[in-house]
Every structure is written in C-alpha cells, then in structure tokens.
Amino acid sequence: MVVCGTANIWMRAKSMHFEILIEDQSGKNALKKLLPKIIGKPHTWRIHHYKGIGRIPKNLRGTPDPNNQMLLNNLPKLLRGYGKTFATYTDDCPAEVIFVSDLDSKDLTDFLQELNEVLASCSPQPTTRFCIAIEEGEAWLLGDIQAIKAAYPKVKDNNLSSYHNDSICGTWEKLADAIYPGGSQKLSSYAWYVIGKVKSEWAEKICPHMDVDSNLSPSFQHFRDRLRQSAS
C-alpha cells in the first residue's frame, strides 16, 4: 500500500491518490491508458489486477487462501488493510479505493449491496467507490465506436450498429464479432487465457483513441464522473 510522503509516491497538497482494484489484466491495460485522460496530474494512482472476479467469502473476517488470486475472495482483507492505512494519513493526503469489476450475469442492486456489506464490516472503513461495468469491461470500449474504428479500420460496422450501450447481450462476443478474425465463435474455441490475451490487446489498441468525455457507456460515465468528483 502507498505511504504518503515516501520516496515512492509523494502526495502533494490538493492531490488525490487512488488505489484501484480490478479483476483482470485487460482491465488494467485499459485503465493505464484512460486514467491520464480522466484525471491526470497532480493525482496519483496504483492499479492492482487479479486473476478473475471470484466470490465474496462467507466469513468476512477470515484469512483468504494465499493461493487464491481472485478479487472478491480477497476484497474483505484488502479493504480492512486500506482502512487501517488510510486512517494514518493527514488531511492533506487524501486517498480512495476504486473497485472496478464486470457485472456479468449478476443483479446490480444485489451485487452493490454485497459489496457495501463488505465495506461496512471494516473498521475503520476506507473511502471506497464501487464502479461496475455493465455487462462487461468491453462495454466501455463499445461506448466509443470511433475509437474502435480508429484502432481496427476493417471493423464490421453492421455488428456495431446493432449494439445498445450497456445492454446485456454478450458484450465481449459482440466486439469480437466486429473486429476478431472468425468472430466470437472462433475466439471462444480457444483456452480462457488466450481469450484474456486478446481482450488485453483490444484494450491496448482501442483506449489510446478513446474520447473519455463523449463515451456513451453509462457505466463508464459513472466511473469517469466518480473519479473526477473525488479529484476535484
């Protein structure tokens, strides 16, 4: 965890530090490109990616399996740790946790309630914002069709024109059908880690072209606006 005023990260007055928790490498690749566009200097951040979403443990005070690198499995311990660390910071050294994950097939209201129950179990509680991509992180890429076309000039427009922002439709498959040779059917035939690598490549190529102020994904707008609200 970051320690204010150390040689590693110097927290200046009127700047904000964010500890960002995200479920996978492709999400980290996207945020590395997008955060400077959303907030930039003098704010600072660290992005921690995990090996998938996992599930919230029944015992919120228990010790997680050190071999389990899933985000939700480790979330209670992570938030407890940040709560204790942030409590030592001075007023001119504000910090927040930003939790980012896909909704997948979960109910949004229920999922947010579960996340808030984890936060409520912490004493002290770190300032935390939960930002959920609807349905998947690729929805944030699909919020900027022009960025996709800039990164992939041979994109299949008809696959994108039928997409409704943040719809539950098999989001990554929709993007794959537009830009991946053989589409989602071909990509789905590969192992999960190959799919993950391809998704990371999409983020690397598309995000540099994204206009964060005109992105049409409501869940991306929520993430963007929450960050800027904290940073203001």
Protein backbone atom coordinates (compact mmCIF):
# COMPACT_ATOMS: atom_id res chain seq x y z
CA MET A 1 0.00 0.00 0.00
CA VAL A 2 1.08 3.57 -0.64
CA VAL A 3 2.58 5.53 2.22
CA CYS A 4 2.11 9.28 1.93
CA GLY A 5 5.24 11.36 1.63
CA THR A 6 7.58 8.45 0.86
CA ALA A 7 10.10 8.48 -1.96
CA ASN A 8 7.87 6.08 -3.90
CA ILE A 9 4.78 8.30 -4.19
CA TRP A 10 4.86 11.89 -2.97
CA MET A 11 1.36 13.03 -2.07
CA ARG A 12 1.14 16.77 -2.57
CA ALA A 13 -1.49 19.02 -1.06
CA LYS A 14 -4.73 19.18 -3.07
CA SER A 15 -3.92 15.97 -4.91
CA MET A 16 -5.72 12.65 -4.61
CA HIS A 17 -4.33 9.14 -4.55
CA PHE A 18 -6.35 6.18 -5.82
CA GLU A 19 -5.80 2.51 -5.10
CA ILE A 20 -7.63 0.80 -7.95
CA LEU A 21 -8.69 -2.84 -7.71
CA ILE A 22 -9.65 -4.52 -10.98
CA GLU A 23 -10.38 -8.12 -11.83
CA ASP A 24 -8.08 -8.80 -14.78
CA GLN A 25 -5.13 -7.76 -16.91
CA SER A 26 -7.23 -6.41 -19.79
CA GLY A 27 -8.96 -4.04 -17.38
CA LYS A 28 -5.62 -2.86 -16.06
CA ASN A 29 -4.38 -2.25 -19.60
CA ALA A 30 -7.45 -0.15 -20.31
CA LEU A 31 -7.14 1.95 -17.15
CA LYS A 32 -3.45 2.62 -17.72
CA LYS A 33 -4.46 4.38 -20.93
CA LEU A 34 -7.64 6.03 -19.66
CA LEU A 35 -6.77 7.41 -16.22
CA PRO A 36 -4.43 10.14 -17.54
CA LYS A 37 -7.29 11.28 -19.78
CA ILE A 38 -9.82 11.30 -16.94
CA ILE A 39 -7.87 12.95 -14.12
CA GLY A 40 -4.13 13.22 -14.81
CA LYS A 41 -1.67 15.19 -12.70
CA PRO A 42 -1.24 16.03 -9.86
CA HIS A 43 -3.28 12.99 -8.88
CA THR A 44 -1.66 9.59 -8.44
CA TRP A 45 -2.84 6.01 -8.62
CA ARG A 46 -1.83 2.38 -8.50
CA ILE A 47 -3.72 -0.32 -10.37
CA HIS A 48 -3.88 -3.82 -8.89
CA HIS A 49 -5.23 -6.56 -11.16
CA TYR A 50 -6.33 -10.03 -10.10
CA LYS A 51 -6.90 -13.43 -11.71
CA GLY A 52 -10.66 -13.03 -12.11
CA ILE A 53 -13.64 -11.92 -10.06
CA GLY A 54 -14.16 -14.91 -7.71
CA ARG A 55 -16.73 -14.61 -4.94
CA ILE A 56 -17.13 -12.87 -1.60
CA PRO A 57 -16.23 -15.25 1.26
CA LYS A 58 -18.92 -16.10 3.80
CA ASN A 59 -16.55 -15.23 6.65
CA LEU A 60 -15.67 -11.60 6.02
CA ARG A 61 -13.13 -11.62 8.86
CA GLY A 62 -11.39 -14.78 7.75
CA THR A 63 -7.95 -15.13 6.21
CA PRO A 64 -8.10 -15.73 2.45
CA ASP A 65 -6.24 -18.56 0.80
CA PRO A 66 -2.89 -17.04 -0.31
CA ASN A 67 -3.06 -19.14 -3.48
CA ASN A 68 -6.40 -17.64 -4.46
CA GLN A 69 -5.79 -14.51 -6.51
CA MET A 70 -9.45 -13.73 -7.25
CA LEU A 71 -10.57 -10.17 -6.48
CA LEU A 72 -13.72 -10.79 -4.44
CA ASN A 73 -12.12 -13.55 -2.38
CA ASN A 74 -9.50 -11.06 -1.20
CA LEU A 75 -11.70 -7.97 -1.00
CA PRO A 76 -12.57 -8.06 2.74
CA LYS A 77 -8.90 -8.31 3.71
CA LEU A 78 -7.90 -5.65 1.18
CA LEU A 79 -10.48 -3.13 2.39
CA ARG A 80 -9.59 -3.75 6.04
CA GLY A 81 -5.96 -3.09 5.22
CA TYR A 82 -6.69 0.08 3.30
CA GLY A 83 -8.96 1.29 6.10
CA LYS A 84 -6.17 0.98 8.64
CA THR A 85 -3.59 2.54 6.32
CA PHE A 86 -5.74 5.48 5.19
CA ALA A 87 -6.58 6.26 8.83
CA THR A 88 -2.94 7.24 9.36
CA TYR A 89 -2.96 9.79 6.54
CA THR A 90 -3.23 13.51 7.22
CA ASP A 91 -5.99 15.71 5.77
CA ASP A 92 -3.69 16.96 3.01
CA CYS A 93 -3.07 13.38 1.89
CA PRO A 94 -6.49 12.02 0.81
CA ALA A 95 -6.81 8.55 -0.69
CA GLU A 96 -9.60 6.35 -2.02
CA VAL A 97 -10.14 2.78 -3.11
CA ILE A 98 -11.78 2.36 -6.51
CA PHE A 99 -13.22 -1.11 -7.10
CA VAL A 100 -13.84 -1.98 -10.76
CA SER A 101 -15.42 -5.20 -11.99
CA ASP A 102 -17.78 -6.62 -14.60
CA LEU A 103 -21.40 -7.21 -13.70
CA ASP A 104 -21.58 -10.37 -15.84
CA SER A 105 -24.89 -12.11 -15.04
CA LYS A 106 -25.26 -10.70 -11.52
CA ASP A 107 -28.08 -8.41 -10.40
CA LEU A 108 -26.62 -4.93 -9.99
CA THR A 109 -28.62 -3.97 -6.88
CA ASP A 110 -27.80 -7.22 -5.12
CA PHE A 111 -24.15 -7.04 -6.08
CA LEU A 112 -23.73 -3.49 -4.81
CA GLN A 113 -25.45 -4.47 -1.56
CA GLU A 114 -22.99 -7.33 -1.09
CA LEU A 115 -20.05 -5.04 -1.79
CA ASN A 116 -21.31 -2.44 0.68
CA GLU A 117 -21.72 -5.14 3.32
CA VAL A 118 -18.03 -5.98 2.88
CA LEU A 119 -17.14 -2.32 3.31
CA ALA A 120 -19.39 -2.00 6.36
CA SER A 121 -17.53 -4.88 8.02
CA CYS A 122 -14.31 -2.83 8.04
CA SER A 123 -13.30 -0.67 10.96
CA PRO A 124 -12.15 1.88 10.05
CA GLN A 125 -13.70 2.00 6.59
CA PRO A 126 -11.60 3.28 3.70
CA THR A 127 -13.32 5.72 1.37
CA THR A 128 -14.36 3.37 -1.42
CA ARG A 129 -16.27 3.67 -4.66
CA PHE A 130 -17.70 0.67 -6.49
CA CYS A 131 -17.76 1.01 -10.27
CA ILE A 132 -19.36 -1.82 -12.23
CA ALA A 133 -19.06 -2.31 -15.99
CA ILE A 134 -22.41 -3.31 -17.48
CA GLU A 135 -22.27 -6.16 -18.63
CA GLU A 136 -18.52 -6.49 -19.18
CA GLY A 137 -15.48 -4.23 -19.48
CA GLU A 138 -15.77 -4.33 -23.26
CA ALA A 139 -18.90 -2.17 -22.84
CA TRP A 140 -16.57 0.73 -22.08
CA LEU A 141 -14.74 0.13 -25.36
CA LEU A 142 -18.03 -0.15 -27.25
CA GLY A 143 -19.03 3.22 -25.79
CA ASP A 144 -16.68 4.82 -28.31
CA ILE A 145 -17.28 3.34 -31.76
CA GLN A 146 -14.97 5.86 -33.42
CA ALA A 147 -12.09 4.68 -31.22
CA ILE A 148 -12.75 1.09 -32.27
CA LYS A 149 -12.74 2.11 -35.94
CA ALA A 150 -9.50 4.04 -35.47
CA ALA A 151 -7.83 1.02 -33.91
CA TYR A 152 -9.40 -1.52 -36.29
CA PRO A 153 -10.11 0.11 -39.68
CA LYS A 154 -11.51 -3.15 -41.06
CA VAL A 155 -14.19 -3.35 -38.36
CA LYS A 156 -17.55 -4.82 -39.37
CA ASP A 157 -19.87 -1.85 -38.97
CA ASN A 158 -23.07 -3.90 -39.03
CA ASN A 159 -22.02 -5.72 -35.84
CA LEU A 160 -21.53 -2.41 -34.03
CA SER A 161 -24.60 -0.59 -35.34
CA SER A 162 -26.91 -3.06 -33.59
CA TYR A 163 -25.27 -2.59 -30.20
CA HIS A 164 -27.09 -0.68 -27.44
CA ASN A 165 -24.81 0.77 -24.80
CA ASP A 166 -24.53 -1.27 -21.59
CA SER A 167 -27.03 -3.84 -22.84
CA ILE A 168 -26.89 -7.42 -21.61
CA CYS A 169 -26.07 -9.05 -24.90
CA GLY A 170 -22.78 -10.94 -24.65
CA THR A 171 -20.66 -7.80 -24.80
CA TRP A 172 -17.21 -9.18 -25.49
CA GLU A 173 -18.68 -11.51 -28.10
CA LYS A 174 -20.29 -8.51 -29.82
CA LEU A 175 -16.91 -6.77 -30.01
CA ALA A 176 -15.20 -9.96 -31.17
CA ASP A 177 -17.72 -10.38 -33.98
CA ALA A 178 -16.82 -6.89 -35.15
CA ILE A 179 -13.03 -6.98 -35.02
CA TYR A 180 -11.67 -10.50 -34.49
CA PRO A 181 -10.98 -12.77 -37.49
CA GLY A 182 -13.58 -15.52 -37.30
CA GLY A 183 -15.54 -13.59 -34.67
CA SER A 184 -16.60 -14.78 -31.24
CA GLN A 185 -17.18 -18.33 -32.43
CA LYS A 186 -13.53 -18.67 -33.39
CA LEU A 187 -12.22 -16.90 -30.29
CA SER A 188 -14.44 -18.95 -27.97
CA SER A 189 -12.78 -22.13 -29.20
CA TYR A 190 -9.52 -21.13 -27.51
CA ALA A 191 -8.49 -21.51 -23.87
CA TRP A 192 -9.52 -18.82 -21.39
CA TYR A 193 -6.02 -17.39 -21.18
CA VAL A 194 -5.90 -16.90 -24.95
CA ILE A 195 -9.21 -15.04 -24.80
CA GLY A 196 -7.81 -12.91 -21.98
CA LYS A 197 -4.73 -12.07 -24.01
CA VAL A 198 -6.85 -10.99 -26.97
CA LYS A 199 -9.03 -8.81 -24.72
CA SER A 200 -5.87 -7.17 -23.36
CA GLU A 201 -4.79 -6.41 -26.92
CA TRP A 202 -8.17 -4.79 -27.63
CA ALA A 203 -7.75 -2.52 -24.62
CA GLU A 204 -4.18 -1.62 -25.60
CA LYS A 205 -5.20 -0.66 -29.13
CA ILE A 206 -8.58 0.99 -28.60
CA CYS A 207 -8.11 3.02 -25.41
CA PRO A 208 -5.49 5.43 -26.80
CA HIS A 209 -8.11 6.59 -29.31
CA MET A 210 -10.96 6.95 -26.81
CA ASP A 211 -12.55 10.30 -26.06
CA VAL A 212 -13.48 9.91 -22.40
CA ASP A 213 -15.79 12.92 -22.46
CA SER A 214 -18.01 11.59 -25.25
CA ASN A 215 -18.08 7.89 -24.31
CA LEU A 216 -21.68 6.63 -24.49
CA SER A 217 -21.44 3.82 -21.94
CA PRO A 218 -23.42 4.85 -18.83
CA SER A 219 -21.28 2.65 -16.59
CA PHE A 220 -18.11 4.23 -17.98
CA GLN A 221 -19.60 7.68 -17.42
CA HIS A 222 -20.28 6.72 -13.80
CA PHE A 223 -16.66 5.60 -13.34
CA ARG A 224 -15.31 8.76 -15.02
CA ASP A 225 -17.53 11.12 -13.07
CA ARG A 226 -16.87 9.47 -9.70
CA LEU A 227 -13.13 9.80 -10.22
CA ARG A 228 -13.40 13.43 -11.22
CA GLN A 229 -15.69 14.16 -8.30
CA SER A 230 -13.11 12.78 -5.90
CA ALA A 231 -10.26 14.55 -7.65
CA SER A 232 -11.94 17.96 -7.71
